[in-house]
Amino acid sequence: MLGVLWSAGADELTPREVNARLGDELAYTTVMTVLSRLWKKGLVERQPRGRGFAYRPLLSESDLASRRLTDTLDEVSDRSSVLARFVGSLPAGDVDELRRLLDELDREQS
């Protein structure tokens, strides 16, 4: 569902609009339930529209992924080991990009 909301850009979508973009694969009530749960978790905001609500994400896809990685690291006692295994599992292009980003961060902090 978040993917559908992200693809809408700044537009708010009603559950019916989300369901239509999903190809009506899910029951309307299921879409409403998932959107309501995302709202309760603070991942989306909702605004009154008609007799219901329209939703939009509060975080970008990259912000949410970053939050999940941070939450995962906060749950383990050996962050270094987790980071080492994560970086060791990355394809070479991602490792190069990580090096570039770390170098950029070092330059900004100097």
C-alpha atoms as a PDB file:
ATOM      1  CA  MET A   1       0.000   0.000   0.000  1.00  0.00           C
ATOM      2  CA  LEU A   2       2.792   2.411   0.791  1.00  0.00           C
ATOM      3  CA  GLY A   3       4.144   1.858  -2.709  1.00  0.00           C
ATOM      4  CA  VAL A   4       0.849   3.018  -4.172  1.00  0.00           C
ATOM      5  CA  LEU A   5       0.848   6.098  -1.953  1.00  0.00           C
ATOM      6  CA  TRP A   6       4.478   6.876  -2.838  1.00  0.00           C
ATOM      7  CA  SER A   7       3.685   6.608  -6.540  1.00  0.00           C
ATOM      8  CA  ALA A   8       0.917   9.190  -6.119  1.00  0.00           C
ATOM      9  CA  GLY A   9       3.464  11.867  -5.223  1.00  0.00           C
ATOM     10  CA  ALA A  10       1.889  14.670  -3.206  1.00  0.00           C
ATOM     11  CA  ASP A  11      -1.653  13.524  -3.998  1.00  0.00           C
ATOM     12  CA  GLU A  12      -3.753  12.084  -1.215  1.00  0.00           C
ATOM     13  CA  LEU A  13      -5.610   8.898  -2.123  1.00  0.00           C
ATOM     14  CA  THR A  14      -8.827   7.455  -0.773  1.00  0.00           C
ATOM     15  CA  PRO A  15      -9.021   3.731  -0.020  1.00  0.00           C
ATOM     16  CA  ARG A  16     -11.087   3.303  -3.202  1.00  0.00           C
ATOM     17  CA  GLU A  17      -8.365   5.022  -5.264  1.00  0.00           C
ATOM     18  CA  VAL A  18      -5.660   2.892  -3.631  1.00  0.00           C
ATOM     19  CA  ASN A  19      -7.667  -0.234  -4.348  1.00  0.00           C
ATOM     20  CA  ALA A  20      -8.141   0.769  -7.988  1.00  0.00           C
ATOM     21  CA  ARG A  21      -4.394   1.334  -8.388  1.00  0.00           C
ATOM     22  CA  LEU A  22      -3.803  -2.116  -6.907  1.00  0.00           C
ATOM     23  CA  GLY A  23      -6.032  -3.521  -9.617  1.00  0.00           C
ATOM     24  CA  ASP A  24      -8.885  -4.273  -7.229  1.00  0.00           C
ATOM     25  CA  GLU A  25      -6.945  -7.341  -6.063  1.00  0.00           C
ATOM     26  CA  LEU A  26      -7.942  -6.828  -2.438  1.00  0.00           C
ATOM     27  CA  ALA A  27     -11.277  -6.317  -0.785  1.00  0.00           C
ATOM     28  CA  TYR A  28     -12.085  -2.663  -0.176  1.00  0.00           C
ATOM     29  CA  THR A  29     -12.367  -3.349   3.564  1.00  0.00           C
ATOM     30  CA  THR A  30      -8.874  -4.865   3.571  1.00  0.00           C
ATOM     31  CA  VAL A  31      -7.456  -1.720   1.976  1.00  0.00           C
ATOM     32  CA  MET A  32      -9.269   0.415   4.555  1.00  0.00           C
ATOM     33  CA  THR A  33      -7.917  -1.724   7.393  1.00  0.00           C
ATOM     34  CA  VAL A  34      -4.316  -1.584   6.157  1.00  0.00           C
ATOM     35  CA  LEU A  35      -4.467   2.193   5.636  1.00  0.00           C
ATOM     36  CA  SER A  36      -5.940   2.646   9.093  1.00  0.00           C
ATOM     37  CA  ARG A  37      -3.130   0.567  10.609  1.00  0.00           C
ATOM     38  CA  LEU A  38      -0.506   2.575   8.723  1.00  0.00           C
ATOM     39  CA  TRP A  39      -2.105   5.741  10.100  1.00  0.00           C
ATOM     40  CA  LYS A  40      -2.056   4.371  13.670  1.00  0.00           C
ATOM     41  CA  LYS A  41       1.648   3.532  13.248  1.00  0.00           C
ATOM     42  CA  GLY A  42       2.355   7.101  12.149  1.00  0.00           C
ATOM     43  CA  LEU A  43       3.449   6.129   8.646  1.00  0.00           C
ATOM     44  CA  VAL A  44       0.672   7.983   6.830  1.00  0.00           C
ATOM     45  CA  GLU A  45      -1.510  10.956   7.521  1.00  0.00           C
ATOM     46  CA  ARG A  46      -5.144  11.207   6.658  1.00  0.00           C
ATOM     47  CA  GLN A  47      -7.409  14.083   5.812  1.00  0.00           C
ATOM     48  CA  PRO A  48     -11.198  14.057   5.733  1.00  0.00           C
ATOM     49  CA  ARG A  49     -12.560  13.656   2.239  1.00  0.00           C
ATOM     50  CA  GLY A  50     -16.269  13.208   1.737  1.00  0.00           C
ATOM     51  CA  ARG A  51     -17.544  10.693   4.248  1.00  0.00           C
ATOM     52  CA  GLY A  52     -14.131   9.071   4.663  1.00  0.00           C
ATOM     53  CA  PHE A  53     -10.445   9.881   4.538  1.00  0.00           C
ATOM     54  CA  ALA A  54      -7.685  10.356   1.991  1.00  0.00           C
ATOM     55  CA  TYR A  55      -4.159   9.217   2.846  1.00  0.00           C
ATOM     56  CA  ARG A  56      -0.602  10.214   2.009  1.00  0.00           C
ATOM     57  CA  PRO A  57       2.725   8.898   3.336  1.00  0.00           C
ATOM     58  CA  LEU A  58       4.610  10.826   6.002  1.00  0.00           C
ATOM     59  CA  LEU A  59       7.965   9.257   5.074  1.00  0.00           C
ATOM     60  CA  SER A  60       9.618   8.676   1.729  1.00  0.00           C
ATOM     61  CA  GLU A  61      10.554   5.150   0.763  1.00  0.00           C
ATOM     62  CA  SER A  62      14.220   5.838   1.540  1.00  0.00           C
ATOM     63  CA  ASP A  63      13.347   7.451   4.899  1.00  0.00           C
ATOM     64  CA  LEU A  64      11.335   4.388   5.911  1.00  0.00           C
ATOM     65  CA  ALA A  65      14.093   1.994   4.826  1.00  0.00           C
ATOM     66  CA  SER A  66      16.636   4.033   6.784  1.00  0.00           C
ATOM     67  CA  ARG A  67      14.398   3.974   9.853  1.00  0.00           C
ATOM     68  CA  ARG A  68      14.049   0.198   9.589  1.00  0.00           C
ATOM     69  CA  LEU A  69      17.825  -0.270   9.330  1.00  0.00           C
ATOM     70  CA  THR A  70      18.373   1.980  12.340  1.00  0.00           C
ATOM     71  CA  ASP A  71      15.703   0.139  14.330  1.00  0.00           C
ATOM     72  CA  THR A  72      17.356  -3.187  13.472  1.00  0.00           C
ATOM     73  CA  LEU A  73      20.769  -1.932  14.594  1.00  0.00           C
ATOM     74  CA  ASP A  74      19.231  -0.621  17.825  1.00  0.00           C
ATOM     75  CA  GLU A  75      17.945  -4.128  18.609  1.00  0.00           C
ATOM     76  CA  VAL A  76      21.321  -5.902  18.519  1.00  0.00           C
ATOM     77  CA  SER A  77      24.177  -5.832  20.983  1.00  0.00           C
ATOM     78  CA  ASP A  78      26.962  -6.120  18.367  1.00  0.00           C
ATOM     79  CA  ARG A  79      26.258  -3.381  15.828  1.00  0.00           C
ATOM     80  CA  SER A  80      29.725  -3.714  14.318  1.00  0.00           C
ATOM     81  CA  SER A  81      29.202  -7.366  13.443  1.00  0.00           C
ATOM     82  CA  VAL A  82      25.825  -6.663  11.859  1.00  0.00           C
ATOM     83  CA  LEU A  83      27.253  -3.774   9.839  1.00  0.00           C
ATOM     84  CA  ALA A  84      30.209  -5.910   8.730  1.00  0.00           C
ATOM     85  CA  ARG A  85      27.928  -8.706   7.548  1.00  0.00           C
ATOM     86  CA  PHE A  86      25.620  -6.243   5.822  1.00  0.00           C
ATOM     87  CA  VAL A  87      28.429  -4.464   3.978  1.00  0.00           C
ATOM     88  CA  GLY A  88      30.019  -7.822   3.145  1.00  0.00           C
ATOM     89  CA  SER A  89      26.810  -8.937   1.463  1.00  0.00           C
ATOM     90  CA  LEU A  90      26.524  -5.856  -0.767  1.00  0.00           C
ATOM     91  CA  PRO A  91      27.310  -6.003  -4.467  1.00  0.00           C
ATOM     92  CA  ALA A  92      30.480  -4.166  -5.510  1.00  0.00           C
ATOM     93  CA  GLY A  93      28.561  -1.199  -6.924  1.00  0.00           C
ATOM     94  CA  ASP A  94      26.770  -0.636  -3.613  1.00  0.00           C
ATOM     95  CA  VAL A  95      30.071  -0.852  -1.720  1.00  0.00           C
ATOM     96  CA  ASP A  96      31.527   1.784  -4.044  1.00  0.00           C
ATOM     97  CA  GLU A  97      28.490   4.001  -3.478  1.00  0.00           C
ATOM     98  CA  LEU A  98      28.799   3.534   0.288  1.00  0.00           C
ATOM     99  CA  ARG A  99      32.474   4.539   0.130  1.00  0.00           C
ATOM    100  CA  ARG A 100      31.563   7.615  -1.910  1.00  0.00           C
ATOM    101  CA  LEU A 101      28.861   8.619   0.586  1.00  0.00           C
ATOM    102  CA  LEU A 102      31.185   8.121   3.568  1.00  0.00           C
ATOM    103  CA  ASP A 103      33.902  10.178   1.869  1.00  0.00           C
ATOM    104  CA  GLU A 104      31.359  12.918   1.193  1.00  0.00           C
ATOM    105  CA  LEU A 105      30.226  12.852   4.831  1.00  0.00           C
ATOM    106  CA  ASP A 106      33.867  13.101   5.998  1.00  0.00           C
ATOM    107  CA  ARG A 107      34.445  16.127   3.767  1.00  0.00           C
ATOM    108  CA  GLU A 108      31.275  17.826   5.065  1.00  0.00           C
ATOM    109  CA  GLN A 109      32.300  17.246   8.695  1.00  0.00           C
ATOM    110  CA  SER A 110      35.864  18.521   8.212  1.00  0.00           C
END
